[in-house]
Amino acid sequence: MTPGANPALDDDERMEPTNTSESPARRGPALTTKHAAEYVGLKPQTLRVMKGECTGPTTFEQGHLNVYYPADLDEWLNERLHLES
């Protein structure tokens, strides 16, 4: 297992970290839509709809998958909390 990898993910669902030049905070596991939805407390289909409407968290394409980084999910959740306050 890769250091810092999420042990809750199955081996076939675990994504290896990807380097991005946009933000040094994007380290660690890249979460599938299913696991990102669990992380933020939504259903996977809700995240897919939000992605289509450009209202969801930042996503990245890795092959044929859309992936999410925990740092982006945390930032998106914080923005939503501030909008509701």
Protein backbone atom coordinates (compact mmCIF):
# COMPACT_ATOMS: atom_id res chain seq x y z
CA MET A 1 0.00 0.00 0.00
CA THR A 2 1.19 3.49 -0.81
CA PRO A 3 1.98 5.63 2.26
CA GLY A 4 -0.93 7.95 2.92
CA ALA A 5 -3.33 5.84 0.86
CA ASN A 6 -6.85 5.38 2.16
CA PRO A 7 -7.08 1.78 3.42
CA ALA A 8 -10.89 1.92 3.15
CA LEU A 9 -10.64 1.82 -0.64
CA ASP A 10 -10.49 -1.53 -2.41
CA ASP A 11 -7.30 -2.17 -4.38
CA ASP A 12 -9.15 -1.86 -7.69
CA GLU A 13 -10.73 1.46 -6.63
CA ARG A 14 -7.61 3.08 -5.14
CA MET A 15 -6.02 5.69 -7.36
CA GLU A 16 -2.36 6.58 -7.13
CA PRO A 17 -1.50 10.20 -6.33
CA THR A 18 -1.12 12.45 -9.32
CA ASN A 19 1.09 15.50 -9.48
CA THR A 20 -0.67 18.66 -10.58
CA SER A 21 0.97 22.02 -11.09
CA GLU A 22 -2.14 23.88 -9.95
CA SER A 23 -1.90 23.22 -6.22
CA PRO A 24 0.64 21.55 -3.96
CA ALA A 25 -2.25 20.53 -1.65
CA ARG A 26 -3.45 17.94 -4.16
CA ARG A 27 -1.59 14.99 -2.70
CA GLY A 28 -2.79 11.69 -1.45
CA PRO A 29 -5.43 9.43 -2.86
CA ALA A 30 -7.59 10.54 -5.74
CA LEU A 31 -11.13 9.50 -4.84
CA THR A 32 -13.59 7.99 -7.28
CA THR A 33 -17.04 9.57 -7.53
CA LYS A 34 -18.42 6.88 -5.22
CA HIS A 35 -15.85 7.54 -2.50
CA ALA A 36 -15.97 11.31 -2.93
CA ALA A 37 -19.74 11.18 -2.47
CA GLU A 38 -19.28 9.21 0.76
CA TYR A 39 -16.67 11.75 1.87
CA VAL A 40 -19.06 14.72 1.46
CA GLY A 41 -22.24 12.89 2.46
CA LEU A 42 -24.00 12.88 -0.91
CA LYS A 43 -25.08 10.21 -3.35
CA PRO A 44 -22.77 9.57 -6.32
CA GLN A 45 -25.51 10.59 -8.77
CA THR A 46 -25.86 13.94 -6.99
CA LEU A 47 -22.15 14.62 -7.53
CA ARG A 48 -22.49 13.66 -11.20
CA VAL A 49 -25.39 16.08 -11.65
CA MET A 50 -23.50 18.84 -9.84
CA LYS A 51 -20.49 18.24 -12.09
CA GLY A 52 -22.73 18.63 -15.15
CA GLU A 53 -24.16 21.86 -13.73
CA CYS A 54 -20.68 23.13 -12.75
CA THR A 55 -21.81 23.52 -9.14
CA GLY A 56 -19.84 20.66 -7.59
CA PRO A 57 -16.28 20.30 -6.33
CA THR A 58 -13.29 20.39 -8.67
CA THR A 59 -12.78 17.17 -10.62
CA PHE A 60 -9.93 15.79 -12.66
CA GLU A 61 -9.97 13.17 -15.38
CA GLN A 62 -7.70 10.18 -14.95
CA GLY A 63 -8.26 7.97 -17.92
CA HIS A 64 -12.01 7.42 -18.15
CA LEU A 65 -12.62 8.29 -14.48
CA ASN A 66 -13.47 11.59 -12.83
CA VAL A 67 -11.52 11.84 -9.59
CA TYR A 68 -11.62 14.14 -6.61
CA TYR A 69 -8.92 15.15 -4.15
CA PRO A 70 -9.79 15.47 -0.44
CA ALA A 71 -8.33 19.01 -0.30
CA ASP A 72 -10.73 20.13 -3.06
CA LEU A 73 -13.67 18.41 -1.36
CA ASP A 74 -12.84 20.13 1.95
CA GLU A 75 -12.58 23.52 0.22
CA TRP A 76 -15.91 22.98 -1.56
CA LEU A 77 -17.63 21.95 1.68
CA ASN A 78 -16.28 25.04 3.46
CA GLU A 79 -17.58 27.27 0.65
CA ARG A 80 -21.01 25.69 0.93
CA LEU A 81 -21.06 26.20 4.70
CA HIS A 82 -20.22 29.89 4.29
CA LEU A 83 -22.94 30.34 1.67
CA GLU A 84 -25.56 28.82 3.97
CA SER A 85 -24.58 31.01 6.95
